[in-house]
Structures are given as C-alpha cells and as structure tokens.
C-alpha cells in the first residue's frame, strides 16, 4: 500500500471512529439530561398544581365551615354552601364538585354557568370510573386522583389531577381539579428541544467530520504532490546521471579508439607504406604478387581507419564540444545524406545561443535516433531537420515523408520503442517536452528544451559563420 493511502487510512478511520463515539455519547447524554429535566419539570409542575389544589379545597372548606357555624337550618346551610361553591371559579376551566354519601352529584352541571362543564356522574357510562375513584379516595381520607376528562375550553380529553376531601358534618365529598395538558405541552417542548439539540449537534459533528475529511484529503493530496515532485526530481536527477554516465563512457571509448586503436592502425599503415616503398622495382612475379597483396592490405587498413573514425565521431563528435550543436548536426546530416542517398535538409531559425552541454548532447542524440529511424524503418524519401532558437527555448524538429507507424502500439509495447523512450527520457530529464506524431504522411519528432536567458553565441569557425548567415537570411 502506498504511503499516501496509509496516511489517509490511519488518520480517517480513527477520526471517524472517534466522531461516531462522540455522537453516540452526546445523544445518550442529551437524552439522559432531557429525561432528567422532564422528570424535574414534571415534579415541579405537579407539586405546584397539588399545592394549588390543596389551597382551593382549603378555601372551599373554610367557606363551608363558616356557613355550617351559623344558626340556620342544615338544609339552608347546605343550599347556601352549594351556591357559594357554584360561584367559586378559577381560571377558564376551574370549578368545584360535590357528592353526597350515596355518590349523587349535588352540583348540577347545567347550573355551573360554564359551557361544556360535565361532572363525573356515577350513573353515566363516561363518569362512572372517575366518580368511583373520587369517592374511594374520599372514603380513604382524601387525597389526589388522576383520570382523563374532557376539558371544557378545548373539548379535548386530557389528563386531570383532582384533590378530594370530605365534609364530615354533612357527609359530603368536596373536590376540585386542574387539567395537565399544559404540563404535557411543557414536557413535549422539552423533548422537542432535546431532539432539536441532538439534530443540531449531530449536524455540527458531521460538518466537523466532513471538514476533517477534507483537511485530511488535502493533506494527503499535498503529501502526494510533494512526494510526486520529490520522486520526479529524483527520477530526473537519476536520468541525468545515467545520460551523463553514458556520455562519459562514450567519450572514454571514443578517446580510447582515437588515442589507442587509431594510433596503432596509423603506425601500422606507415610501416606497410614504408615496406611498399622498399620493394624492388623490377617486375618480378614474386615481388609483383607481394606488392598487390601489400596494396590490398593497405586499402583494408585505410578502410578500417575510416570506419573507426566514423564510429569515434558517432560516439562523441568533436564539433559538438568545439563549435556547438548546429555544426555538429550539419556534419551528422552530411554523413546521413552520403550513406542514405536520400534528400536531407537542415536549417536553423533564430539567433543561435550558447547551450549547456547536457542540452546540446540530448538534442544531438535525438537527431541521431530520429534520422536513423527515418532512414532504417520509415523508408523516407525526404527528411527535414529544423533547429529553432528563441529567447527562452530551443526546439529541434525532424520530419520525414516515410510510411509512419502505430504510435500507441509502439508505446504500449514493452519490447519495442526503446529509441523513443530513450529520446523522451533524455528530454524530459532536462525538464523539456518531447512530442512524436506519426501517420500516413510521415513522422514528426519534436524536442523542446528551456534555455533560460542564454546569451547569443558568437559565430565560431566556418560552421558558426554558416549558421549565423543562414539565420540572418
């Protein structure tokens, strides 16, 4: 696995795991706090309502006790007490209810003066169960009773909390109640707020996770780009070292051929020529035959010298170091024209500039390889070589009218296209651009190299003067 994927994996997975645990813990704690808050609010509300109900019933009991303390008849006191209770209303839906020992409703709902009020009548199907709960609680000494009942103002059945107490002197059951729908609404708002809080927090966590993922991805991308740049720089440096090593080896071999083998051959030639001069002039058969053999040997030795000089020049042309790229290319093209027997044209464009040794060597090798391919494989009838100088770049273009080749097939072939790969590696190793186009009308090879603010090269020797003159024309 590559380093950048390891980096992304080992940073993203723990981050996602940590954020998931944070989200789960947050949701659990939020729900727990919401339940605790609900319980506290419910307890506080119920306590408040219970205190309020006790207070109402105590007020009603105090009013009844004051009436029971008068000297009026009992039935008159009870009638006056019911009238007082009928007028004691609180809020929009608060009222008192009174039962006798037999469970009969003593306050008629039609006389309450409130629309929609319906007392718990033990004789009605809907009020039987609440009435029995109220009466049972009163017999037990009084207390709180909870049951569902219709709220007069909304006509909805909601939970109701009632407090009942007995009136021992008259055998009554006195009570009142408060509806708990406002408590339910408050608790529902708490739950809704908790859920909204959970959703908002989860959204924030997801946003943080997305931001962290983007940052991790950007960091991985930066690391990838940095690694790619470092690797590319190392590859270019390695390619330059390989090319430099190859050129150094070519120079060494060319020097060994010139200083060693060529000198031995030249000395041998001088010896053979001296021996040829010492042969007798008389036309003797043996001398004549020896002279012919010696002449043939001198001819072959001369051919060997020419071939070795050609090979030595191909390995590292002296003009490339002495006069520059344009004269070396001109000499190379003269040699190709003499060997191939086809039309080869060469011209320079722009003002020649001083090129680094690596640049001139790379372009010379590209020209060598392109001319060899055009002559050996494309069967071209005409080849054109253009060396163009600009202020910032130098471009070498080699075009031929040969039969061309399948570029993609050659590039995808691992065994073939070595020359193209070598040319591309040489140019791209110097941060240049290498382009090949091939079709039915021929093949074009173009190599661009940056030369920066290179100074214009002075015309040196005959090739320099010829190049400058051609550029001026």
Protein backbone atom coordinates (compact mmCIF):
# COMPACT_ATOMS: atom_id res chain seq x y z
CA UNK A 1 0.00 0.00 0.00
CA UNK A 2 1.29 3.45 -0.91
CA UNK A 3 2.26 5.94 1.76
CA UNK A 4 -0.50 8.42 0.99
CA UNK A 5 -3.19 5.74 1.28
CA UNK A 6 -1.70 4.56 4.57
CA UNK A 7 -1.74 8.17 5.76
CA UNK A 8 -5.38 8.63 4.76
CA UNK A 9 -6.39 5.26 6.25
CA UNK A 10 -4.63 5.69 9.58
CA UNK A 11 -5.98 9.22 10.02
CA UNK A 12 -9.52 8.85 8.66
CA UNK A 13 -10.55 5.62 10.38
CA UNK A 14 -9.63 6.72 13.94
CA UNK A 15 -11.17 10.13 13.26
CA UNK A 16 -14.44 8.62 12.07
CA UNK A 17 -14.43 6.20 14.99
CA UNK A 18 -13.84 9.00 17.49
CA UNK A 19 -16.55 11.21 15.97
CA UNK A 20 -19.00 8.28 15.94
CA UNK A 21 -18.35 7.60 19.63
CA UNK A 22 -18.70 11.31 20.38
CA UNK A 23 -22.04 11.40 18.52
CA UNK A 24 -23.35 8.32 20.32
CA UNK A 25 -22.21 9.61 23.72
CA UNK A 26 -23.64 13.03 23.01
CA UNK A 27 -27.01 11.58 22.03
CA UNK A 28 -27.10 9.32 25.08
CA UNK A 29 -26.17 12.12 27.46
CA UNK A 30 -28.58 14.56 25.85
CA UNK A 31 -31.47 12.10 26.11
CA UNK A 32 -30.49 11.35 29.69
CA UNK A 33 -30.43 15.03 30.58
CA UNK A 34 -33.73 15.53 28.76
CA UNK A 35 -35.32 12.72 30.80
CA UNK A 36 -33.94 14.19 34.00
CA UNK A 37 -35.16 17.64 33.05
CA UNK A 38 -38.55 16.20 32.15
CA UNK A 39 -38.78 14.48 35.50
CA UNK A 40 -37.77 17.63 37.36
CA UNK A 41 -40.18 19.80 35.39
CA UNK A 42 -42.98 17.29 35.82
CA UNK A 43 -42.32 17.05 39.54
CA UNK A 44 -42.21 20.83 39.86
CA UNK A 45 -45.40 21.30 37.84
CA UNK A 46 -47.26 18.59 39.73
CA UNK A 47 -46.09 19.92 43.06
CA UNK A 48 -47.22 23.38 42.08
CA UNK A 49 -50.62 22.11 40.94
CA UNK A 50 -51.04 19.92 44.02
CA UNK A 51 -50.30 22.90 46.24
CA UNK A 52 -52.75 24.99 44.25
CA UNK A 53 -55.46 22.34 44.51
CA UNK A 54 -54.94 21.97 48.26
CA UNK A 55 -55.25 25.70 48.60
CA UNK A 56 -58.51 25.80 46.59
CA UNK A 57 -60.08 22.96 48.57
CA UNK A 58 -58.97 24.53 51.85
CA UNK A 59 -60.60 27.80 50.84
CA UNK A 60 -63.80 25.97 49.93
CA UNK A 61 -63.71 24.01 53.19
CA UNK A 62 -63.19 27.23 55.17
CA UNK A 63 -66.23 28.81 53.45
CA UNK A 64 -68.36 25.74 54.18
CA UNK A 65 -67.20 25.69 57.82
CA UNK A 66 -68.21 29.32 58.23
CA UNK A 67 -71.67 28.59 56.85
CA UNK A 68 -72.01 25.46 58.98
CA UNK A 69 -71.31 27.55 62.10
CA UNK A 70 -74.43 29.70 61.67
CA UNK A 71 -77.75 29.09 63.41
CA UNK A 72 -79.66 28.45 60.21
CA UNK A 73 -81.20 25.13 59.30
CA UNK A 74 -78.91 22.49 57.92
CA UNK A 75 -80.61 22.27 54.54
CA UNK A 76 -80.44 26.06 54.27
CA UNK A 77 -76.75 26.00 55.13
CA UNK A 78 -76.15 23.30 52.50
CA UNK A 79 -78.07 25.20 49.87
CA UNK A 80 -76.14 28.38 50.60
CA UNK A 81 -72.84 26.40 50.58
CA UNK A 82 -73.63 24.92 47.16
CA UNK A 83 -74.42 28.41 45.88
CA UNK A 84 -71.10 29.69 47.21
CA UNK A 85 -69.21 26.75 45.64
CA UNK A 86 -71.07 27.31 42.38
CA UNK A 87 -69.71 30.83 42.27
CA UNK A 88 -66.14 29.90 43.20
CA UNK A 89 -64.46 29.51 39.81
CA UNK A 90 -60.78 29.87 38.96
CA UNK A 91 -59.20 30.14 35.55
CA UNK A 92 -61.09 29.23 32.41
CA UNK A 93 -61.77 25.62 33.37
CA UNK A 94 -61.61 25.50 37.21
CA UNK A 95 -64.69 24.54 39.22
CA UNK A 96 -65.69 22.54 42.36
CA UNK A 97 -67.67 19.31 42.51
CA UNK A 98 -69.66 17.91 45.48
CA UNK A 99 -71.02 14.42 46.11
CA UNK A 100 -73.21 13.16 48.99
CA UNK A 101 -72.83 9.91 50.93
CA UNK A 102 -74.66 7.97 48.23
CA UNK A 103 -72.48 9.28 45.42
CA UNK A 104 -75.07 11.63 44.00
CA UNK A 105 -73.90 14.82 42.30
CA UNK A 106 -75.05 17.79 44.33
CA UNK A 107 -73.81 20.47 41.93
CA UNK A 108 -75.80 20.37 38.68
CA UNK A 109 -73.60 20.93 35.66
CA UNK A 110 -76.34 22.92 33.96
CA UNK A 111 -76.25 25.44 36.79
CA UNK A 112 -72.45 25.92 36.76
CA UNK A 113 -72.53 28.88 34.42
CA UNK A 114 -69.68 27.43 32.34
CA UNK A 115 -70.19 25.96 28.91
CA UNK A 116 -69.02 22.41 28.41
CA UNK A 117 -68.74 21.50 32.12
CA UNK A 118 -69.67 17.88 32.73
CA UNK A 119 -69.40 16.45 36.25
CA UNK A 120 -68.37 12.88 36.95
CA UNK A 121 -71.76 11.25 37.43
CA UNK A 122 -71.54 7.68 38.79
CA UNK A 123 -74.68 6.88 36.90
CA UNK A 124 -73.31 7.83 33.48
CA UNK A 125 -71.05 5.45 31.47
CA UNK A 126 -68.35 8.02 30.94
CA UNK A 127 -68.25 9.31 34.51
CA UNK A 128 -68.65 6.05 36.40
CA UNK A 129 -64.95 5.17 36.73
CA UNK A 130 -63.71 8.69 37.68
CA UNK A 131 -66.58 9.08 40.16
CA UNK A 132 -65.77 5.79 41.85
CA UNK A 133 -62.07 6.79 42.10
CA UNK A 134 -63.07 10.12 43.67
CA UNK A 135 -65.47 8.52 46.17
CA UNK A 136 -62.96 5.79 47.07
CA UNK A 137 -60.24 8.36 47.70
CA UNK A 138 -62.63 10.42 49.90
CA UNK A 139 -63.51 7.32 51.97
CA UNK A 140 -59.74 6.71 52.38
CA UNK A 141 -59.35 10.16 53.96
CA UNK A 142 -58.92 12.28 50.87
CA UNK A 143 -56.08 12.90 48.50
CA UNK A 144 -55.18 13.27 44.85
CA UNK A 145 -56.84 11.42 41.98
CA UNK A 146 -55.73 11.39 38.35
CA UNK A 147 -58.04 10.48 35.49
CA UNK A 148 -58.73 11.53 31.87
CA UNK A 149 -61.52 14.02 31.42
CA UNK A 150 -62.87 16.43 28.86
CA UNK A 151 -61.55 19.97 29.16
CA UNK A 152 -64.40 22.47 28.75
CA UNK A 153 -62.48 25.13 26.83
CA UNK A 154 -60.99 22.82 24.21
CA UNK A 155 -63.42 19.88 24.22
CA UNK A 156 -60.44 17.53 24.29
CA UNK A 157 -59.95 14.66 26.70
CA UNK A 158 -56.76 15.35 28.64
CA UNK A 159 -55.26 14.11 31.94
CA UNK A 160 -56.81 15.77 35.01
CA UNK A 161 -55.50 15.94 38.57
CA UNK A 162 -58.16 16.32 41.29
CA UNK A 163 -57.94 16.77 45.06
CA UNK A 164 -60.87 15.50 47.14
CA UNK A 165 -61.66 15.96 50.80
CA UNK A 166 -64.58 15.08 52.99
CA UNK A 167 -67.04 17.32 54.84
CA UNK A 168 -67.81 15.11 57.83
CA UNK A 169 -70.60 17.30 59.24
CA UNK A 170 -72.71 16.90 56.14
CA UNK A 171 -71.27 13.70 54.69
CA UNK A 172 -70.14 15.45 51.54
CA UNK A 173 -67.20 14.77 49.23
CA UNK A 174 -65.69 18.08 48.14
CA UNK A 175 -63.09 18.43 45.46
CA UNK A 176 -61.69 20.32 42.51
CA UNK A 177 -59.22 19.56 39.68
CA UNK A 178 -56.74 21.02 37.27
CA UNK A 179 -56.03 19.81 33.75
CA UNK A 180 -52.50 18.60 33.00
CA UNK A 181 -52.38 19.32 29.29
CA UNK A 182 -50.14 22.35 29.90
CA UNK A 183 -47.77 20.05 31.77
CA UNK A 184 -47.80 17.65 28.85
CA UNK A 185 -47.17 20.54 26.46
CA UNK A 186 -44.22 21.72 28.55
CA UNK A 187 -42.77 18.20 28.69
CA UNK A 188 -43.33 17.78 24.97
CA UNK A 189 -41.46 21.03 24.32
CA UNK A 190 -38.58 19.76 26.44
CA UNK A 191 -38.43 16.55 24.38
CA UNK A 192 -38.68 18.51 21.13
CA UNK A 193 -35.90 20.86 22.24
CA UNK A 194 -33.76 17.86 23.19
CA UNK A 195 -34.32 16.24 19.79
CA UNK A 196 -33.57 19.53 18.04
CA UNK A 197 -30.43 19.86 20.11
CA UNK A 198 -29.40 16.33 19.18
CA UNK A 199 -30.01 17.00 15.49
CA UNK A 200 -28.12 20.30 15.60
CA UNK A 201 -25.21 18.73 17.46
CA UNK A 202 -25.17 15.77 15.08
CA UNK A 203 -25.13 18.19 12.14
CA UNK A 204 -22.20 20.05 13.69
CA UNK A 205 -20.36 16.78 14.28
CA UNK A 206 -20.99 15.69 10.70
CA UNK A 207 -19.80 19.09 9.50
CA UNK A 208 -16.67 18.79 11.62
CA UNK A 209 -16.16 15.25 10.28
CA UNK A 210 -16.59 16.46 6.70
CA UNK A 211 -14.19 19.35 7.33
CA UNK A 212 -11.67 16.99 8.91
CA UNK A 213 -12.02 14.61 5.97
CA UNK A 214 -11.44 17.47 3.57
CA UNK A 215 -8.41 18.58 5.56
CA UNK A 216 -7.09 15.03 5.67
CA UNK A 217 -7.70 14.68 1.94
CA UNK A 218 -5.96 17.98 1.28
CA UNK A 219 -3.07 16.91 3.49
CA UNK A 220 -2.89 13.61 1.61
CA UNK A 221 -3.05 15.47 -1.69
CA UNK A 222 -0.30 17.86 -0.60
CA UNK A 223 1.75 14.91 0.60
CA UNK A 224 1.09 13.11 -2.67
CA UNK A 225 2.06 16.16 -4.71
CA UNK A 226 5.14 16.68 -2.58
CA UNK A 227 6.12 13.02 -2.89
CA UNK A 228 5.42 13.16 -6.62
CA UNK A 229 7.58 16.24 -7.01
CA UNK A 230 10.37 14.73 -4.96
CA UNK A 231 10.13 11.46 -6.88
CA UNK A 232 10.03 13.30 -10.21
CA UNK A 233 13.05 15.39 -9.23
CA UNK A 234 14.92 12.27 -8.15
CA UNK A 235 13.99 10.50 -11.38
CA UNK A 236 15.11 13.46 -13.46
CA UNK A 237 18.34 13.62 -11.49
CA UNK A 238 18.85 9.89 -11.93
CA UNK A 239 18.11 10.16 -15.65
CA UNK A 240 20.61 12.98 -15.98
CA UNK A 241 23.20 10.92 -14.14
CA UNK A 242 22.53 7.94 -16.40
CA UNK A 243 22.80 10.10 -19.51
CA UNK A 244 25.94 11.75 -18.15
CA UNK A 245 27.41 8.34 -17.41
CA UNK A 246 26.55 7.16 -20.91
CA UNK A 247 28.10 10.25 -22.46
CA UNK A 248 31.18 9.93 -20.26
CA UNK A 249 31.52 6.32 -21.35
CA UNK A 250 31.07 7.32 -24.97
CA UNK A 251 33.78 9.97 -24.58
CA UNK A 252 36.09 7.46 -22.93
CA UNK A 253 35.55 4.86 -25.66
CA UNK A 254 35.98 7.48 -28.39
CA UNK A 255 39.19 8.71 -26.73
CA UNK A 256 40.49 5.14 -26.41
CA UNK A 257 39.71 4.47 -30.06
CA UNK A 258 41.35 7.70 -31.17
CA UNK A 259 44.36 7.60 -28.89
CA UNK A 260 44.86 3.85 -28.89
CA UNK A 261 43.45 1.82 -31.77
CA UNK A 262 43.67 4.60 -34.37
CA UNK A 263 47.27 5.37 -33.48
CA UNK A 264 48.21 1.68 -33.72
CA UNK A 265 46.50 1.42 -37.09
CA UNK A 266 48.18 4.61 -38.34
CA UNK A 267 51.59 3.30 -37.24
CA UNK A 268 50.85 0.00 -38.97
CA UNK A 269 49.87 1.88 -42.10
CA UNK A 270 53.11 3.84 -42.06
CA UNK A 271 55.07 0.60 -41.70
CA UNK A 272 53.19 -1.02 -44.56
CA UNK A 273 53.76 2.06 -46.74
CA UNK A 274 57.47 2.01 -45.87
CA UNK A 275 57.63 -1.69 -46.75
CA UNK A 276 55.84 -0.96 -50.00
CA UNK A 277 58.48 1.66 -50.89
CA UNK A 278 61.34 -0.78 -50.18
CA UNK A 279 60.06 -3.45 -52.56
CA UNK A 280 62.19 -3.91 -55.67
CA UNK A 281 61.08 -2.00 -58.74
CA UNK A 282 61.78 -4.91 -61.07
CA UNK A 283 58.79 -6.64 -62.39
CA UNK A 284 59.41 -9.97 -60.74
CA UNK A 285 56.50 -12.33 -60.24
CA UNK A 286 57.03 -12.71 -56.51
CA UNK A 287 57.62 -9.03 -55.94
CA UNK A 288 54.64 -8.11 -58.08
CA UNK A 289 52.40 -10.50 -56.17
CA UNK A 290 53.70 -9.27 -52.81
CA UNK A 291 53.12 -5.67 -53.91
CA UNK A 292 49.50 -6.39 -54.84
CA UNK A 293 48.90 -8.15 -51.55
CA UNK A 294 50.51 -5.28 -49.66
CA UNK A 295 48.41 -2.77 -51.57
CA UNK A 296 45.23 -4.67 -50.72
CA UNK A 297 46.24 -4.77 -47.07
CA UNK A 298 46.85 -1.04 -47.09
CA UNK A 299 43.43 -0.46 -48.63
CA UNK A 300 41.70 -2.52 -45.98
CA UNK A 301 43.71 -0.87 -43.26
CA UNK A 302 42.66 2.51 -44.61
CA UNK A 303 39.01 1.38 -44.65
CA UNK A 304 39.37 0.27 -41.02
CA UNK A 305 40.76 3.68 -40.10
CA UNK A 306 37.83 5.43 -41.82
CA UNK A 307 35.32 3.15 -40.05
CA UNK A 308 36.91 3.61 -36.65
CA UNK A 309 36.99 7.36 -37.13
CA UNK A 310 33.30 7.25 -38.09
CA UNK A 311 32.44 5.20 -35.01
CA UNK A 312 34.51 7.50 -32.82
CA UNK A 313 32.78 10.55 -34.27
CA UNK A 314 29.38 8.93 -33.72
CA UNK A 315 30.21 8.24 -30.10
CA UNK A 316 31.15 11.83 -29.39
CA UNK A 317 31.61 14.29 -32.29
CA UNK A 318 34.39 16.78 -31.61
CA UNK A 319 32.41 19.56 -33.31
CA UNK A 320 29.73 19.28 -30.61
CA UNK A 321 32.23 20.37 -27.99
CA UNK A 322 34.26 22.71 -30.16
CA UNK A 323 31.74 24.57 -32.32
CA UNK A 324 28.33 23.74 -30.86
CA UNK A 325 25.13 21.93 -31.79
CA UNK A 326 24.38 23.42 -35.23
CA UNK A 327 27.76 22.49 -36.84
CA UNK A 328 27.62 19.02 -35.28
CA UNK A 329 24.11 18.49 -36.70
CA UNK A 330 25.25 19.75 -40.10
CA UNK A 331 28.14 17.25 -40.14
CA UNK A 332 25.80 14.46 -38.98
CA UNK A 333 23.33 15.24 -41.75
CA UNK A 334 26.12 15.28 -44.35
CA UNK A 335 27.09 11.79 -43.22
CA UNK A 336 23.48 10.57 -43.33
CA UNK A 337 22.98 12.13 -46.75
CA UNK A 338 26.05 10.34 -48.08
CA UNK A 339 25.03 6.97 -46.60
CA UNK A 340 21.28 7.03 -47.20
CA UNK A 341 21.22 8.58 -50.63
CA UNK A 342 18.01 10.48 -49.83
CA UNK A 343 17.23 14.17 -49.56
CA UNK A 344 18.08 15.57 -46.12
CA UNK A 345 17.61 19.30 -45.50
CA UNK A 346 18.87 21.17 -42.47
CA UNK A 347 18.31 24.76 -41.39
CA UNK A 348 18.46 26.86 -38.28
CA UNK A 349 15.98 29.56 -37.25
CA UNK A 350 16.58 32.40 -34.85
CA UNK A 351 19.80 33.57 -33.30
CA UNK A 352 21.94 30.64 -32.09
CA UNK A 353 22.50 30.65 -28.34
CA UNK A 354 25.04 29.07 -26.04
CA UNK A 355 23.51 25.79 -24.86
CA UNK A 356 24.51 23.77 -21.82
CA UNK A 357 26.45 20.64 -22.66
CA UNK A 358 23.58 18.42 -21.46
CA UNK A 359 21.11 20.23 -23.74
CA UNK A 360 23.26 20.08 -26.87
CA UNK A 361 24.11 16.42 -26.22
CA UNK A 362 20.44 15.47 -25.70
CA UNK A 363 19.31 17.23 -28.89
CA UNK A 364 22.18 15.70 -30.87
CA UNK A 365 21.23 12.19 -29.69
CA UNK A 366 17.57 12.84 -30.53
CA UNK A 367 18.59 13.90 -34.04
CA UNK A 368 20.78 10.80 -34.38
CA UNK A 369 17.98 8.46 -33.31
CA UNK A 370 15.31 10.21 -35.40
CA UNK A 371 17.48 10.18 -38.55
CA UNK A 372 18.36 6.52 -38.01
CA UNK A 373 14.66 5.61 -37.63
CA UNK A 374 13.67 7.62 -40.71
CA UNK A 375 16.44 6.02 -42.77
CA UNK A 376 16.17 2.44 -41.48
CA UNK A 377 12.44 1.97 -40.72
CA UNK A 378 10.34 4.66 -42.38
CA UNK A 379 11.95 4.33 -45.84
CA UNK A 380 11.69 8.10 -46.19
CA UNK A 381 12.47 9.87 -49.45
CA UNK A 382 12.98 13.26 -47.84
CA UNK A 383 13.96 14.31 -44.31
CA UNK A 384 13.84 17.84 -42.90
CA UNK A 385 15.71 18.90 -39.74
CA UNK A 386 14.98 22.32 -38.20
CA UNK A 387 16.82 23.78 -35.21
CA UNK A 388 14.95 26.84 -33.91
CA UNK A 389 16.22 29.21 -31.21
CA UNK A 390 14.01 31.60 -29.22
CA UNK A 391 14.72 33.79 -26.23
CA UNK A 392 13.71 31.06 -23.77
CA UNK A 393 13.69 27.77 -25.65
CA UNK A 394 15.41 25.71 -28.30
CA UNK A 395 13.42 23.35 -30.50
CA UNK A 396 14.61 20.50 -32.70
CA UNK A 397 12.19 19.15 -35.28
CA UNK A 398 12.82 16.14 -37.52
CA UNK A 399 10.19 15.40 -40.20
CA UNK A 400 10.13 12.69 -42.82
CA UNK A 401 7.72 11.57 -45.53
CA UNK A 402 8.02 7.87 -44.70
CA UNK A 403 5.35 5.28 -44.06
CA UNK A 404 4.92 6.10 -40.35
CA UNK A 405 3.99 3.68 -37.58
CA UNK A 406 1.29 2.96 -34.97
CA UNK A 407 2.38 5.26 -32.15
CA UNK A 408 0.11 3.80 -29.43
CA UNK A 409 1.09 0.25 -30.28
CA UNK A 410 4.79 1.09 -30.12
CA UNK A 411 4.36 2.99 -26.84
CA UNK A 412 2.42 0.14 -25.22
CA UNK A 413 4.89 -2.48 -26.42
CA UNK A 414 7.32 -3.29 -23.63
CA UNK A 415 9.87 -4.81 -26.02
CA UNK A 416 9.82 -2.21 -28.80
CA UNK A 417 10.07 1.56 -28.93
CA UNK A 418 13.29 1.69 -26.92
CA UNK A 419 14.65 4.52 -29.05
CA UNK A 420 11.52 6.63 -28.49
CA UNK A 421 11.65 6.02 -24.75
CA UNK A 422 15.32 6.94 -24.63
CA UNK A 423 14.67 10.19 -26.51
CA UNK A 424 11.73 11.05 -24.26
CA UNK A 425 13.71 10.31 -21.10
CA UNK A 426 16.61 12.45 -22.27
CA UNK A 427 14.40 15.46 -23.00
CA UNK A 428 12.05 15.16 -20.02
CA UNK A 429 15.03 14.59 -17.73
CA UNK A 430 16.08 18.15 -18.62
CA UNK A 431 12.52 19.45 -17.92
CA UNK A 432 11.77 19.64 -21.61
CA UNK A 433 8.93 18.44 -23.80
CA UNK A 434 9.09 15.58 -26.30
CA UNK A 435 6.33 15.05 -28.89
CA UNK A 436 6.01 12.41 -31.59
CA UNK A 437 3.35 12.42 -34.33
CA UNK A 438 3.12 9.70 -36.96
CA UNK A 439 0.67 8.95 -39.73
CA UNK A 440 0.34 8.14 -43.39
CA UNK A 441 2.12 11.31 -44.44
CA UNK A 442 5.17 10.63 -42.33
CA UNK A 443 6.55 11.15 -38.85
CA UNK A 444 7.46 14.30 -36.95
CA UNK A 445 9.68 14.30 -33.85
CA UNK A 446 9.87 17.50 -31.82
CA UNK A 447 12.03 18.18 -28.78
CA UNK A 448 11.76 21.44 -26.78
CA UNK A 449 14.23 22.41 -24.09
CA UNK A 450 14.28 25.52 -21.88
CA UNK A 451 17.48 27.52 -22.10
CA UNK A 452 16.56 30.48 -19.87
CA UNK A 453 18.33 33.74 -20.55
CA UNK A 454 21.03 32.17 -22.71
CA UNK A 455 23.35 34.57 -24.40
CA UNK A 456 23.64 34.73 -28.15
CA UNK A 457 26.54 32.57 -29.30
CA UNK A 458 29.23 34.23 -31.40
CA UNK A 459 29.88 32.70 -34.76
CA UNK A 460 32.87 30.39 -34.38
CA UNK A 461 34.60 28.77 -37.31
CA UNK A 462 33.06 28.01 -40.67
CA UNK A 463 30.01 26.21 -39.25
CA UNK A 464 29.25 29.07 -36.87
CA UNK A 465 29.50 31.63 -39.65
CA UNK A 466 27.30 29.49 -41.90
CA UNK A 467 24.68 29.08 -39.19
CA UNK A 468 24.66 32.81 -38.44
CA UNK A 469 24.42 33.65 -42.13
CA UNK A 470 21.54 31.19 -42.61
CA UNK A 471 19.75 32.60 -39.55
CA UNK A 472 20.16 36.13 -40.89
CA UNK A 473 18.72 35.12 -44.22
